[in-house]
């Protein structure tokens, strides 16, 4: 069930919802950045800033921001998580829908490897 009051959401390796677990792709940070630049053009987003040292991409959309965290396991495998914040009093399920949509768009651009691949314990 989606909480309509929630205005933020974070994906993670151990998220209870399957679709919000960390997604892994067969690429590097640069490959993911390139994919998000393409997605941003098509979806009216702005890649406001990125930091390869910390593996973060900062996206700004209409009424929200999204921090994409990229964890490079090696040169050919990277995990992607989102921290989404909507600038409103009520979220109406939009953070959840956006996270699912961003993963779907990324899956079309990059070779998907799997979810929740590096859980310890």
N, C-alpha and C. Protein backbone atom coordinates (compact mmCIF):
# COMPACT_ATOMS: atom_id res chain seq x y z
N UNK A 1 0.84 -1.18 0.00
CA UNK A 1 0.00 0.00 0.00
C UNK A 1 0.88 1.25 0.00
N UNK A 2 0.52 2.21 -0.79
CA UNK A 2 1.28 3.45 -0.92
C UNK A 2 0.68 4.51 0.00
N UNK A 3 1.54 5.14 0.79
CA UNK A 3 1.12 6.22 1.68
C UNK A 3 1.03 7.52 0.89
N UNK A 4 -0.16 8.12 0.82
CA UNK A 4 -0.33 9.34 0.01
C UNK A 4 0.33 10.56 0.63
N UNK A 5 0.69 10.49 1.92
CA UNK A 5 1.32 11.63 2.58
C UNK A 5 2.83 11.66 2.39
N UNK A 6 3.42 10.55 2.04
CA UNK A 6 4.87 10.45 1.90
C UNK A 6 5.36 11.27 0.71
N UNK A 7 6.30 12.18 0.97
CA UNK A 7 6.84 13.01 -0.10
C UNK A 7 8.27 12.63 -0.48
N UNK A 8 8.83 11.65 0.22
CA UNK A 8 10.18 11.21 -0.12
C UNK A 8 10.25 9.69 -0.09
N UNK A 9 11.25 9.18 -0.77
CA UNK A 9 11.42 7.73 -0.87
C UNK A 9 12.89 7.43 -1.12
N UNK A 10 13.34 6.30 -0.61
CA UNK A 10 14.71 5.88 -0.82
C UNK A 10 14.73 4.40 -1.18
N UNK A 11 15.40 4.06 -2.27
CA UNK A 11 15.55 2.65 -2.63
C UNK A 11 16.79 2.12 -1.91
N UNK A 12 16.84 0.81 -1.74
CA UNK A 12 17.99 0.23 -1.04
C UNK A 12 18.08 -1.27 -1.30
N UNK A 13 19.20 -1.82 -0.91
CA UNK A 13 19.44 -3.25 -1.06
C UNK A 13 18.41 -4.09 -0.31
N UNK A 14 17.98 -3.62 0.84
CA UNK A 14 17.07 -4.39 1.70
C UNK A 14 15.64 -3.83 1.75
N UNK A 15 15.24 -3.09 0.73
CA UNK A 15 13.89 -2.54 0.71
C UNK A 15 12.86 -3.66 0.73
N UNK A 16 11.74 -3.45 1.42
CA UNK A 16 10.70 -4.49 1.52
C UNK A 16 9.98 -4.70 0.20
N UNK A 17 9.90 -3.65 -0.62
CA UNK A 17 9.22 -3.77 -1.91
C UNK A 17 10.24 -4.19 -2.97
N UNK A 18 9.94 -5.28 -3.64
CA UNK A 18 10.86 -5.85 -4.64
C UNK A 18 11.30 -4.83 -5.69
N UNK A 19 10.35 -4.03 -6.17
CA UNK A 19 10.66 -3.07 -7.24
C UNK A 19 11.52 -1.90 -6.77
N UNK A 20 11.69 -1.75 -5.44
CA UNK A 20 12.49 -0.66 -4.89
C UNK A 20 13.84 -1.13 -4.35
N UNK A 21 14.22 -2.35 -4.68
CA UNK A 21 15.53 -2.86 -4.27
C UNK A 21 16.59 -2.36 -5.25
N UNK A 22 17.82 -2.26 -4.77
CA UNK A 22 18.94 -1.82 -5.60
C UNK A 22 18.97 -2.62 -6.89
N UNK A 23 19.09 -1.90 -8.01
CA UNK A 23 19.22 -2.53 -9.32
C UNK A 23 20.68 -2.47 -9.74
N UNK A 24 21.15 -3.57 -10.35
CA UNK A 24 22.54 -3.65 -10.81
C UNK A 24 22.58 -3.72 -12.33
N UNK A 25 23.58 -3.03 -12.90
CA UNK A 25 23.74 -2.96 -14.34
C UNK A 25 25.18 -3.30 -14.72
N UNK A 26 25.33 -3.84 -15.93
CA UNK A 26 26.65 -4.20 -16.44
C UNK A 26 27.29 -2.97 -17.09
N UNK A 27 27.70 -2.04 -16.27
CA UNK A 27 28.33 -0.81 -16.75
C UNK A 27 29.02 -0.10 -15.59
N UNK A 28 29.70 1.00 -15.93
CA UNK A 28 30.41 1.82 -14.93
C UNK A 28 29.58 3.05 -14.60
N UNK A 29 30.11 3.89 -13.72
CA UNK A 29 29.46 5.17 -13.39
C UNK A 29 29.25 6.00 -14.66
N UNK A 30 30.26 6.04 -15.52
CA UNK A 30 30.17 6.83 -16.75
C UNK A 30 29.05 6.33 -17.65
N UNK A 31 28.85 5.02 -17.72
CA UNK A 31 27.76 4.45 -18.50
C UNK A 31 26.40 4.85 -17.95
N UNK A 32 26.28 4.85 -16.63
CA UNK A 32 25.03 5.24 -15.99
C UNK A 32 24.78 6.74 -16.17
N UNK A 33 25.82 7.55 -16.04
CA UNK A 33 25.69 8.99 -16.26
C UNK A 33 25.23 9.27 -17.69
N UNK A 34 25.81 8.59 -18.65
CA UNK A 34 25.42 8.77 -20.06
C UNK A 34 23.94 8.40 -20.25
N UNK A 35 23.52 7.29 -19.64
CA UNK A 35 22.11 6.86 -19.73
C UNK A 35 21.19 7.91 -19.11
N UNK A 36 21.56 8.48 -17.97
CA UNK A 36 20.71 9.49 -17.33
C UNK A 36 20.69 10.79 -18.11
N UNK A 37 21.76 11.12 -18.79
CA UNK A 37 21.74 12.31 -19.66
C UNK A 37 20.72 12.12 -20.78
N UNK A 38 20.66 10.92 -21.35
CA UNK A 38 19.69 10.63 -22.40
C UNK A 38 18.27 10.63 -21.85
N UNK A 39 18.08 9.97 -20.69
CA UNK A 39 16.76 9.92 -20.06
C UNK A 39 16.29 11.34 -19.71
N UNK A 40 17.21 12.16 -19.21
CA UNK A 40 16.87 13.54 -18.82
C UNK A 40 16.33 14.33 -20.01
N UNK A 41 16.95 14.18 -21.17
CA UNK A 41 16.48 14.88 -22.36
C UNK A 41 15.06 14.44 -22.73
N UNK A 42 14.80 13.16 -22.66
CA UNK A 42 13.51 12.61 -23.07
C UNK A 42 12.40 12.88 -22.06
N UNK A 43 12.75 12.98 -20.79
CA UNK A 43 11.75 13.09 -19.71
C UNK A 43 11.69 14.48 -19.09
N UNK A 44 12.27 15.47 -19.69
CA UNK A 44 12.25 16.84 -19.19
C UNK A 44 12.84 16.96 -17.78
N UNK A 45 13.96 16.28 -17.59
CA UNK A 45 14.71 16.39 -16.34
C UNK A 45 15.98 17.18 -16.60
N UNK A 46 16.59 17.61 -15.54
CA UNK A 46 17.88 18.28 -15.66
C UNK A 46 18.90 17.53 -14.83
N UNK A 47 20.01 17.13 -15.46
CA UNK A 47 21.13 16.60 -14.69
C UNK A 47 21.85 17.84 -14.16
N UNK A 48 21.51 18.19 -12.93
CA UNK A 48 21.98 19.45 -12.35
C UNK A 48 23.46 19.39 -12.00
N UNK A 49 23.87 18.23 -11.50
CA UNK A 49 25.24 18.08 -11.05
C UNK A 49 25.57 16.60 -10.93
N UNK A 50 26.83 16.25 -11.04
CA UNK A 50 27.24 14.87 -10.76
C UNK A 50 28.62 14.89 -10.11
N UNK A 51 28.89 13.86 -9.33
CA UNK A 51 30.16 13.75 -8.63
C UNK A 51 30.63 12.30 -8.74
N UNK A 52 31.60 12.09 -9.61
CA UNK A 52 32.10 10.73 -9.84
C UNK A 52 32.82 10.18 -8.62
N UNK A 53 33.47 11.04 -7.84
CA UNK A 53 34.18 10.60 -6.64
C UNK A 53 33.23 9.93 -5.65
N UNK A 54 32.06 10.53 -5.45
CA UNK A 54 31.07 10.00 -4.51
C UNK A 54 30.00 9.15 -5.18
N UNK A 55 30.05 9.05 -6.51
CA UNK A 55 29.10 8.23 -7.25
C UNK A 55 27.68 8.76 -7.19
N UNK A 56 27.51 10.08 -7.32
CA UNK A 56 26.17 10.67 -7.22
C UNK A 56 25.83 11.50 -8.45
N UNK A 57 24.57 11.44 -8.83
CA UNK A 57 24.02 12.24 -9.91
C UNK A 57 22.80 12.96 -9.33
N UNK A 58 22.77 14.27 -9.49
CA UNK A 58 21.67 15.07 -8.93
C UNK A 58 20.75 15.50 -10.07
N UNK A 59 19.51 14.98 -10.04
CA UNK A 59 18.51 15.29 -11.05
C UNK A 59 17.46 16.23 -10.46
N UNK A 60 16.97 17.15 -11.28
CA UNK A 60 15.89 18.04 -10.87
C UNK A 60 14.78 17.93 -11.91
N UNK A 61 13.56 17.69 -11.42
CA UNK A 61 12.39 17.62 -12.28
C UNK A 61 11.37 18.65 -11.86
N UNK A 62 10.19 18.57 -12.43
CA UNK A 62 9.12 19.51 -12.12
C UNK A 62 8.54 19.21 -10.74
N UNK A 63 9.00 19.92 -9.72
CA UNK A 63 8.49 19.75 -8.37
C UNK A 63 9.18 18.70 -7.54
N UNK A 64 10.31 18.18 -8.01
CA UNK A 64 11.02 17.18 -7.22
C UNK A 64 12.51 17.19 -7.53
N UNK A 65 13.25 16.53 -6.67
CA UNK A 65 14.68 16.30 -6.88
C UNK A 65 14.96 14.82 -6.66
N UNK A 66 15.99 14.33 -7.31
CA UNK A 66 16.37 12.92 -7.17
C UNK A 66 17.88 12.82 -7.12
N UNK A 67 18.38 12.20 -6.08
CA UNK A 67 19.81 11.91 -5.98
C UNK A 67 19.99 10.45 -6.36
N UNK A 68 20.73 10.22 -7.41
CA UNK A 68 21.03 8.87 -7.87
C UNK A 68 22.38 8.50 -7.28
N UNK A 69 22.42 7.40 -6.54
CA UNK A 69 23.68 6.93 -5.97
C UNK A 69 24.13 5.70 -6.74
N UNK A 70 25.32 5.78 -7.29
CA UNK A 70 25.89 4.69 -8.09
C UNK A 70 27.03 4.07 -7.30
N UNK A 71 26.94 2.77 -7.05
CA UNK A 71 27.99 2.04 -6.35
C UNK A 71 28.67 1.11 -7.34
N UNK A 72 29.90 1.46 -7.72
CA UNK A 72 30.63 0.60 -8.65
C UNK A 72 31.22 -0.59 -7.90
N UNK A 73 30.76 -1.77 -8.26
CA UNK A 73 31.32 -2.98 -7.66
C UNK A 73 32.66 -3.30 -8.33
N UNK A 74 32.70 -3.07 -9.64
CA UNK A 74 33.92 -3.15 -10.45
C UNK A 74 33.64 -2.35 -11.72
N UNK A 75 34.56 -2.37 -12.69
CA UNK A 75 34.37 -1.57 -13.91
C UNK A 75 33.15 -1.99 -14.72
N UNK A 76 32.67 -3.19 -14.50
CA UNK A 76 31.59 -3.74 -15.33
C UNK A 76 30.32 -4.05 -14.56
N UNK A 77 30.21 -3.55 -13.34
CA UNK A 77 28.99 -3.77 -12.55
C UNK A 77 28.79 -2.61 -11.58
N UNK A 78 27.60 -2.02 -11.64
CA UNK A 78 27.28 -0.90 -10.76
C UNK A 78 25.86 -1.03 -10.23
N UNK A 79 25.69 -0.70 -8.95
CA UNK A 79 24.37 -0.67 -8.33
C UNK A 79 23.82 0.75 -8.37
N UNK A 80 22.49 0.86 -8.52
CA UNK A 80 21.85 2.18 -8.60
C UNK A 80 20.73 2.26 -7.57
N UNK A 81 20.75 3.33 -6.77
CA UNK A 81 19.70 3.62 -5.81
C UNK A 81 19.26 5.07 -5.99
N UNK A 82 18.03 5.36 -5.54
CA UNK A 82 17.46 6.70 -5.65
C UNK A 82 17.05 7.23 -4.29
N UNK A 83 17.20 8.53 -4.10
CA UNK A 83 16.61 9.27 -2.99
C UNK A 83 15.78 10.36 -3.65
N UNK A 84 14.46 10.25 -3.55
CA UNK A 84 13.54 11.15 -4.24
C UNK A 84 12.80 12.00 -3.22
N UNK A 85 12.76 13.31 -3.46
CA UNK A 85 12.03 14.25 -2.61
C UNK A 85 11.11 15.10 -3.47
N UNK A 86 9.82 15.10 -3.14
CA UNK A 86 8.86 15.99 -3.80
C UNK A 86 8.68 17.23 -2.94
N UNK A 87 8.52 18.37 -3.58
CA UNK A 87 8.35 19.64 -2.88
C UNK A 87 6.87 19.94 -2.73
N UNK A 88 6.20 19.16 -1.92
CA UNK A 88 4.76 19.38 -1.68
C UNK A 88 4.39 18.82 -0.31
N UNK A 89 3.18 19.13 0.12
CA UNK A 89 2.72 18.66 1.44
C UNK A 89 2.38 17.17 1.40
N UNK A 90 1.81 16.73 0.28
CA UNK A 90 1.43 15.32 0.14
C UNK A 90 2.04 14.76 -1.15
N UNK A 91 2.50 13.51 -1.08
CA UNK A 91 3.16 12.91 -2.22
C UNK A 91 2.24 12.21 -3.21
N UNK A 92 1.09 11.74 -2.74
CA UNK A 92 0.11 11.04 -3.58
C UNK A 92 0.73 9.86 -4.34
N UNK A 93 1.73 9.21 -3.75
CA UNK A 93 2.35 8.05 -4.38
C UNK A 93 3.35 8.39 -5.48
N UNK A 94 3.58 9.67 -5.71
CA UNK A 94 4.48 10.07 -6.80
C UNK A 94 5.93 9.64 -6.60
N UNK A 95 6.50 9.69 -5.38
CA UNK A 95 7.88 9.22 -5.23
C UNK A 95 8.04 7.75 -5.64
N UNK A 96 7.10 6.92 -5.23
CA UNK A 96 7.12 5.49 -5.58
C UNK A 96 7.03 5.31 -7.09
N UNK A 97 6.06 5.99 -7.71
CA UNK A 97 5.87 5.86 -9.16
C UNK A 97 7.09 6.34 -9.93
N UNK A 98 7.72 7.41 -9.45
CA UNK A 98 8.91 7.93 -10.13
C UNK A 98 10.07 6.95 -10.03
N UNK A 99 10.29 6.36 -8.86
CA UNK A 99 11.38 5.39 -8.69
C UNK A 99 11.20 4.21 -9.64
N UNK A 100 9.99 3.69 -9.71
CA UNK A 100 9.70 2.56 -10.59
C UNK A 100 9.94 2.97 -12.05
N UNK A 101 9.48 4.17 -12.41
CA UNK A 101 9.64 4.65 -13.78
C UNK A 101 11.12 4.83 -14.14
N UNK A 102 11.90 5.41 -13.22
CA UNK A 102 13.32 5.61 -13.49
C UNK A 102 14.05 4.29 -13.68
N UNK A 103 13.72 3.29 -12.86
CA UNK A 103 14.33 1.97 -13.05
C UNK A 103 13.92 1.37 -14.39
N UNK A 104 12.66 1.51 -14.77
CA UNK A 104 12.20 0.99 -16.07
C UNK A 104 12.94 1.67 -17.22
N UNK A 105 13.11 2.98 -17.15
CA UNK A 105 13.83 3.71 -18.20
C UNK A 105 15.30 3.29 -18.24
N UNK A 106 15.91 3.11 -17.08
CA UNK A 106 17.30 2.68 -17.02
C UNK A 106 17.46 1.26 -17.58
N UNK A 107 16.47 0.40 -17.30
CA UNK A 107 16.51 -0.98 -17.81
C UNK A 107 16.50 -1.00 -19.34
N UNK A 108 15.87 -0.01 -19.97
CA UNK A 108 15.83 0.06 -21.43
C UNK A 108 17.15 0.55 -22.01
N UNK A 109 17.91 1.32 -21.23
CA UNK A 109 19.14 1.93 -21.72
C UNK A 109 20.39 1.07 -21.45
N UNK A 110 20.35 0.28 -20.38
CA UNK A 110 21.54 -0.44 -19.94
C UNK A 110 21.27 -1.93 -19.77
N UNK A 111 22.32 -2.77 -19.87
CA UNK A 111 22.13 -4.20 -19.62
C UNK A 111 21.89 -4.45 -18.12
N UNK A 112 20.66 -4.88 -17.81
CA UNK A 112 20.25 -5.14 -16.42
C UNK A 112 20.87 -6.46 -15.95
N UNK A 113 21.46 -6.44 -14.76
CA UNK A 113 22.10 -7.64 -14.22
C UNK A 113 21.24 -8.33 -13.17
N UNK A 114 20.53 -7.54 -12.34
CA UNK A 114 19.69 -8.13 -11.30
C UNK A 114 19.44 -7.15 -10.17
N UNK A 115 18.70 -7.64 -9.15
CA UNK A 115 18.38 -6.84 -7.97
C UNK A 115 18.97 -7.50 -6.74
N UNK A 116 19.29 -6.68 -5.76
CA UNK A 116 19.70 -7.17 -4.44
C UNK A 116 20.80 -8.24 -4.55
N UNK A 117 21.83 -7.95 -5.34
CA UNK A 117 22.88 -8.95 -5.61
C UNK A 117 23.96 -9.03 -4.53
N UNK A 118 24.09 -8.01 -3.70
CA UNK A 118 25.20 -7.95 -2.76
C UNK A 118 24.75 -7.75 -1.32
N UNK A 119 23.81 -8.55 -0.89
CA UNK A 119 23.32 -8.48 0.50
C UNK A 119 24.23 -9.37 1.35
N UNK A 120 24.74 -8.81 2.42
CA UNK A 120 25.57 -9.59 3.35
C UNK A 120 24.72 -10.00 4.54
N UNK A 121 24.69 -11.28 4.80
CA UNK A 121 23.97 -11.79 5.98
C UNK A 121 22.57 -11.81 5.83
